[in-house]
PDB file of all heavy atoms in Angstrom:
ATOM      1  N   ARG A   1      92.622  87.221 117.171  1.00  0.00           N
ATOM      2  CA  ARG A   1      93.527  87.674 116.118  1.00  0.00           C
ATOM      3  C   ARG A   1      94.571  86.599 115.844  1.00  0.00           C
ATOM      4  O   ARG A   1      94.943  85.830 116.722  1.00  0.00           O
ATOM      5  CB  ARG A   1      94.217  88.974 116.515  1.00  0.00           C
ATOM      6  CG  ARG A   1      93.234  90.131 116.562  1.00  0.00           C
ATOM      7  CD  ARG A   1      93.925  91.469 116.748  1.00  0.00           C
ATOM      8  NE  ARG A   1      92.971  92.550 116.623  1.00  0.00           N
ATOM      9  CZ  ARG A   1      92.708  93.188 115.488  1.00  0.00           C
ATOM     10  NH1 ARG A   1      93.331  92.850 114.380  1.00  0.00           N
ATOM     11  NH2 ARG A   1      91.823  94.161 115.455  1.00  0.00           N
ATOM     12  N   SER A   2      95.041  86.589 114.609  1.00  0.00           N
ATOM     13  CA  SER A   2      96.093  85.662 114.207  1.00  0.00           C
ATOM     14  C   SER A   2      97.447  86.180 114.677  1.00  0.00           C
ATOM     15  O   SER A   2      97.560  87.311 115.174  1.00  0.00           O
ATOM     16  CB  SER A   2      96.097  85.522 112.686  1.00  0.00           C
ATOM     17  OG  SER A   2      96.437  86.763 112.100  1.00  0.00           O
ATOM     18  N   ALA A   3      98.492  85.375 114.496  1.00  0.00           N
ATOM     19  CA  ALA A   3      99.847  85.768 114.876  1.00  0.00           C
ATOM     20  C   ALA A   3     100.290  87.023 114.130  1.00  0.00           C
ATOM     21  O   ALA A   3     101.074  87.818 114.661  1.00  0.00           O
ATOM     22  CB  ALA A   3     100.821  84.618 114.625  1.00  0.00           C
ATOM     23  N   ASP A   4      99.768  87.241 112.922  1.00  0.00           N
ATOM     24  CA  ASP A   4     100.124  88.452 112.165  1.00  0.00           C
ATOM     25  C   ASP A   4      99.102  89.573 112.384  1.00  0.00           C
ATOM     26  O   ASP A   4      99.042  90.532 111.623  1.00  0.00           O
ATOM     27  CB  ASP A   4     100.310  88.145 110.683  1.00  0.00           C
ATOM     28  CG  ASP A   4      99.031  87.674 110.000  1.00  0.00           C
ATOM     29  OD1 ASP A   4      97.998  87.521 110.682  1.00  0.00           O
ATOM     30  OD2 ASP A   4      99.074  87.463 108.778  1.00  0.00           O
ATOM     31  N   ASP A   5      98.299  89.454 113.440  1.00  0.00           N
ATOM     32  CA  ASP A   5      97.360  90.465 113.912  1.00  0.00           C
ATOM     33  C   ASP A   5      96.115  90.635 113.041  1.00  0.00           C
ATOM     34  O   ASP A   5      95.389  91.615 113.184  1.00  0.00           O
ATOM     35  CB  ASP A   5      98.053  91.821 114.116  1.00  0.00           C
ATOM     36  CG  ASP A   5      97.354  92.637 115.192  1.00  0.00           C
ATOM     37  OD1 ASP A   5      96.884  92.046 116.189  1.00  0.00           O
ATOM     38  OD2 ASP A   5      97.259  93.875 115.030  1.00  0.00           O
ATOM     39  N   ALA A   6      95.827  89.705 112.150  1.00  0.00           N
ATOM     40  CA  ALA A   6      94.589  89.781 111.367  1.00  0.00           C
ATOM     41  C   ALA A   6      93.395  89.472 112.275  1.00  0.00           C
ATOM     42  O   ALA A   6      93.450  88.549 113.093  1.00  0.00           O
ATOM     43  CB  ALA A   6      94.631  88.790 110.207  1.00  0.00           C
ATOM     44  N   LEU A   7      92.326  90.236 112.127  1.00  0.00           N
ATOM     45  CA  LEU A   7      91.105  90.008 112.894  1.00  0.00           C
ATOM     46  C   LEU A   7      90.376  88.806 112.309  1.00  0.00           C
ATOM     47  O   LEU A   7      90.000  88.803 111.135  1.00  0.00           O
ATOM     48  CB  LEU A   7      90.206  91.244 112.850  1.00  0.00           C
ATOM     49  CG  LEU A   7      88.887  91.142 113.600  1.00  0.00           C
ATOM     50  CD1 LEU A   7      89.122  90.917 115.098  1.00  0.00           C
ATOM     51  CD2 LEU A   7      88.072  92.411 113.371  1.00  0.00           C
ATOM     52  N   LEU A   8      90.185  87.767 113.127  1.00  0.00           N
ATOM     53  CA  LEU A   8      89.537  86.538 112.676  1.00  0.00           C
ATOM     54  C   LEU A   8      88.080  86.461 113.115  1.00  0.00           C
ATOM     55  O   LEU A   8      87.226  85.988 112.365  1.00  0.00           O
ATOM     56  CB  LEU A   8      90.300  85.323 113.201  1.00  0.00           C
ATOM     57  CG  LEU A   8      91.793  85.273 112.854  1.00  0.00           C
ATOM     58  CD1 LEU A   8      92.444  84.067 113.507  1.00  0.00           C
ATOM     59  CD2 LEU A   8      91.997  85.281 111.353  1.00  0.00           C
ATOM     60  N   ALA A   9      87.803  86.900 114.333  1.00  0.00           N
ATOM     61  CA  ALA A   9      86.440  86.862 114.869  1.00  0.00           C
ATOM     62  C   ALA A   9      86.330  87.897 115.968  1.00  0.00           C
ATOM     63  O   ALA A   9      87.322  88.223 116.630  1.00  0.00           O
ATOM     64  CB  ALA A   9      86.108  85.476 115.407  1.00  0.00           C
ATOM     65  N   GLU A  10      85.114  88.386 116.159  1.00  0.00           N
ATOM     66  CA  GLU A  10      84.890  89.367 117.222  1.00  0.00           C
ATOM     67  C   GLU A  10      83.491  89.177 117.784  1.00  0.00           C
ATOM     68  O   GLU A  10      82.614  88.607 117.135  1.00  0.00           O
ATOM     69  CB  GLU A  10      85.097  90.789 116.719  1.00  0.00           C
ATOM     70  CG  GLU A  10      84.164  91.198 115.597  1.00  0.00           C
ATOM     71  CD  GLU A  10      84.526  92.547 115.008  1.00  0.00           C
ATOM     72  OE1 GLU A  10      85.127  93.380 115.713  1.00  0.00           O
ATOM     73  OE2 GLU A  10      84.196  92.766 113.828  1.00  0.00           O
ATOM     74  N   ALA A  11      83.305  89.661 118.993  1.00  0.00           N
ATOM     75  CA  ALA A  11      82.002  89.512 119.641  1.00  0.00           C
ATOM     76  C   ALA A  11      81.747  90.675 120.578  1.00  0.00           C
ATOM     77  O   ALA A  11      82.681  91.323 121.070  1.00  0.00           O
ATOM     78  CB  ALA A  11      81.944  88.207 120.437  1.00  0.00           C
ATOM     79  N   THR A  12      80.479  90.904 120.810  1.00  0.00           N
ATOM     80  CA  THR A  12      80.033  91.778 121.884  1.00  0.00           C
ATOM     81  C   THR A  12      79.028  90.973 122.693  1.00  0.00           C
ATOM     82  O   THR A  12      78.388  90.057 122.166  1.00  0.00           O
ATOM     83  CB  THR A  12      79.382  93.069 121.347  1.00  0.00           C
ATOM     84  OG1 THR A  12      78.299  92.717 120.480  1.00  0.00           O
ATOM     85  CG2 THR A  12      80.389  93.932 120.613  1.00  0.00           C
ATOM     86  N   ALA A  13      78.916  91.318 123.953  1.00  0.00           N
ATOM     87  CA  ALA A  13      77.986  90.574 124.802  1.00  0.00           C
ATOM     88  C   ALA A  13      77.475  91.452 125.926  1.00  0.00           C
ATOM     89  O   ALA A  13      78.126  92.413 126.340  1.00  0.00           O
ATOM     90  CB  ALA A  13      78.662  89.331 125.384  1.00  0.00           C
ATOM     91  N   SER A  14      76.306  91.075 126.407  1.00  0.00           N
ATOM     92  CA  SER A  14      75.741  91.654 127.620  1.00  0.00           C
ATOM     93  C   SER A  14      75.843  90.594 128.704  1.00  0.00           C
ATOM     94  O   SER A  14      75.494  89.431 128.474  1.00  0.00           O
ATOM     95  CB  SER A  14      74.271  92.019 127.419  1.00  0.00           C
ATOM     96  OG  SER A  14      74.141  92.982 126.397  1.00  0.00           O
ATOM     97  N   PHE A  15      76.330  90.991 129.847  1.00  0.00           N
ATOM     98  CA  PHE A  15      76.422  90.131 131.021  1.00  0.00           C
ATOM     99  C   PHE A  15      75.542  90.724 132.102  1.00  0.00           C
ATOM    100  O   PHE A  15      75.341  91.941 132.151  1.00  0.00           O
ATOM    101  CB  PHE A  15      77.867  90.063 131.535  1.00  0.00           C
ATOM    102  CG  PHE A  15      78.778  89.216 130.693  1.00  0.00           C
ATOM    103  CD1 PHE A  15      79.234  89.659 129.464  1.00  0.00           C
ATOM    104  CD2 PHE A  15      79.184  87.961 131.131  1.00  0.00           C
ATOM    105  CE1 PHE A  15      80.073  88.877 128.684  1.00  0.00           C
ATOM    106  CE2 PHE A  15      80.012  87.173 130.360  1.00  0.00           C
ATOM    107  CZ  PHE A  15      80.464  87.636 129.131  1.00  0.00           C
ATOM    108  N   VAL A  16      75.035  89.864 132.973  1.00  0.00           N
ATOM    109  CA  VAL A  16      74.242  90.312 134.111  1.00  0.00           C
ATOM    110  C   VAL A  16      74.976  89.916 135.383  1.00  0.00           C
ATOM    111  O   VAL A  16      75.320  88.732 135.570  1.00  0.00           O
ATOM    112  CB  VAL A  16      72.827  89.694 134.093  1.00  0.00           C
ATOM    113  CG1 VAL A  16      72.048  90.104 135.331  1.00  0.00           C
ATOM    114  CG2 VAL A  16      72.084  90.119 132.829  1.00  0.00           C
ATOM    115  N   ALA A  17      75.241  90.902 136.222  1.00  0.00           N
ATOM    116  CA  ALA A  17      75.927  90.639 137.491  1.00  0.00           C
ATOM    117  C   ALA A  17      75.046  89.756 138.373  1.00  0.00           C
ATOM    118  O   ALA A  17      73.826  89.945 138.440  1.00  0.00           O
ATOM    119  CB  ALA A  17      76.251  91.948 138.201  1.00  0.00           C
ATOM    120  N   VAL A  18      75.680  88.798 139.018  1.00  0.00           N
ATOM    121  CA  VAL A  18      74.947  87.905 139.919  1.00  0.00           C
ATOM    122  C   VAL A  18      74.744  88.583 141.263  1.00  0.00           C
ATOM    123  O   VAL A  18      75.383  89.593 141.570  1.00  0.00           O
ATOM    124  CB  VAL A  18      75.689  86.552 140.087  1.00  0.00           C
ATOM    125  CG1 VAL A  18      75.803  85.830 138.744  1.00  0.00           C
ATOM    126  CG2 VAL A  18      77.055  86.740 140.727  1.00  0.00           C
ATOM    127  N   ASP A  19      73.849  88.030 142.079  1.00  0.00           N
ATOM    128  CA  ASP A  19      73.600  88.620 143.387  1.00  0.00           C
ATOM    129  C   ASP A  19      74.805  88.413 144.314  1.00  0.00           C
ATOM    130  O   ASP A  19      75.716  87.632 144.014  1.00  0.00           O
ATOM    131  CB  ASP A  19      72.308  88.077 144.004  1.00  0.00           C
ATOM    132  CG  ASP A  19      72.354  86.587 144.301  1.00  0.00           C
ATOM    133  OD1 ASP A  19      73.408  86.048 144.685  1.00  0.00           O
ATOM    134  OD2 ASP A  19      71.298  85.947 144.150  1.00  0.00           O
ATOM    135  N   ALA A  20      74.808  89.105 145.431  1.00  0.00           N
ATOM    136  CA  ALA A  20      75.947  89.101 146.352  1.00  0.00           C
ATOM    137  C   ALA A  20      76.272  87.705 146.881  1.00  0.00           C
ATOM    138  O   ALA A  20      77.446  87.344 147.012  1.00  0.00           O
ATOM    139  CB  ALA A  20      75.688  90.062 147.514  1.00  0.00           C
ATOM    140  N   ALA A  21      75.260  86.904 147.163  1.00  0.00           N
ATOM    141  CA  ALA A  21      75.505  85.555 147.690  1.00  0.00           C
ATOM    142  C   ALA A  21      76.212  84.685 146.647  1.00  0.00           C
ATOM    143  O   ALA A  21      77.163  83.965 146.971  1.00  0.00           O
ATOM    144  CB  ALA A  21      74.196  84.906 148.134  1.00  0.00           C
ATOM    145  N   GLN A  22      75.771  84.761 145.390  1.00  0.00           N
ATOM    146  CA  GLN A  22      76.421  83.986 144.334  1.00  0.00           C
ATOM    147  C   GLN A  22      77.838  84.489 144.083  1.00  0.00           C
ATOM    148  O   GLN A  22      78.761  83.700 143.896  1.00  0.00           O
ATOM    149  CB  GLN A  22      75.613  84.050 143.045  1.00  0.00           C
ATOM    150  CG  GLN A  22      76.205  83.214 141.931  1.00  0.00           C
ATOM    151  CD  GLN A  22      76.186  81.727 142.255  1.00  0.00           C
ATOM    152  OE1 GLN A  22      75.125  81.129 142.356  1.00  0.00           O
ATOM    153  NE2 GLN A  22      77.346  81.135 142.441  1.00  0.00           N
ATOM    154  N   ALA A  23      78.016  85.800 144.081  1.00  0.00           N
ATOM    155  CA  ALA A  23      79.357  86.375 143.888  1.00  0.00           C
ATOM    156  C   ALA A  23      80.312  85.891 144.975  1.00  0.00           C
ATOM    157  O   ALA A  23      81.459  85.523 144.694  1.00  0.00           O
ATOM    158  CB  ALA A  23      79.281  87.898 143.875  1.00  0.00           C
ATOM    159  N   GLN A  24      79.843  85.856 146.219  1.00  0.00           N
ATOM    160  CA  GLN A  24      80.679  85.386 147.324  1.00  0.00           C
ATOM    161  C   GLN A  24      80.993  83.894 147.172  1.00  0.00           C
ATOM    162  O   GLN A  24      82.127  83.464 147.399  1.00  0.00           O
ATOM    163  CB  GLN A  24      80.010  85.646 148.675  1.00  0.00           C
ATOM    164  CG  GLN A  24      80.842  85.221 149.867  1.00  0.00           C
ATOM    165  CD  GLN A  24      82.196  85.910 149.925  1.00  0.00           C
ATOM    166  OE1 GLN A  24      82.345  87.063 149.528  1.00  0.00           O
ATOM    167  NE2 GLN A  24      83.214  85.197 150.408  1.00  0.00           N
ATOM    168  N   ALA A  25      80.010  83.105 146.776  1.00  0.00           N
ATOM    169  CA  ALA A  25      80.253  81.675 146.569  1.00  0.00           C
ATOM    170  C   ALA A  25      81.299  81.453 145.476  1.00  0.00           C
ATOM    171  O   ALA A  25      82.177  80.588 145.610  1.00  0.00           O
ATOM    172  CB  ALA A  25      78.945  80.964 146.208  1.00  0.00           C
ATOM    173  N   TRP A  26      81.229  82.227 144.404  1.00  0.00           N
ATOM    174  CA  TRP A  26      82.230  82.110 143.333  1.00  0.00           C
ATOM    175  C   TRP A  26      83.606  82.547 143.812  1.00  0.00           C
ATOM    176  O   TRP A  26      84.602  81.937 143.469  1.00  0.00           O
ATOM    177  CB  TRP A  26      81.812  82.919 142.125  1.00  0.00           C
ATOM    178  CG  TRP A  26      80.721  82.277 141.318  1.00  0.00           C
ATOM    179  CD1 TRP A  26      80.188  81.016 141.481  1.00  0.00           C
ATOM    180  CD2 TRP A  26      80.031  82.859 140.227  1.00  0.00           C
ATOM    181  NE1 TRP A  26      79.211  80.801 140.550  1.00  0.00           N
ATOM    182  CE2 TRP A  26      79.095  81.903 139.769  1.00  0.00           C
ATOM    183  CE3 TRP A  26      80.104  84.097 139.596  1.00  0.00           C
ATOM    184  CZ2 TRP A  26      78.239  82.156 138.691  1.00  0.00           C
ATOM    185  CZ3 TRP A  26      79.259  84.356 138.525  1.00  0.00           C
ATOM    186  CH2 TRP A  26      78.336  83.384 138.089  1.00  0.00           C
TER     187      TRP A  26
END
């Protein structure tokens, strides 16, 4: 959004959770 709150761009996304070993490394 801009400083005057106008919507400039928007997105939706799907994420996939990583396995436990990768999560711990991160």
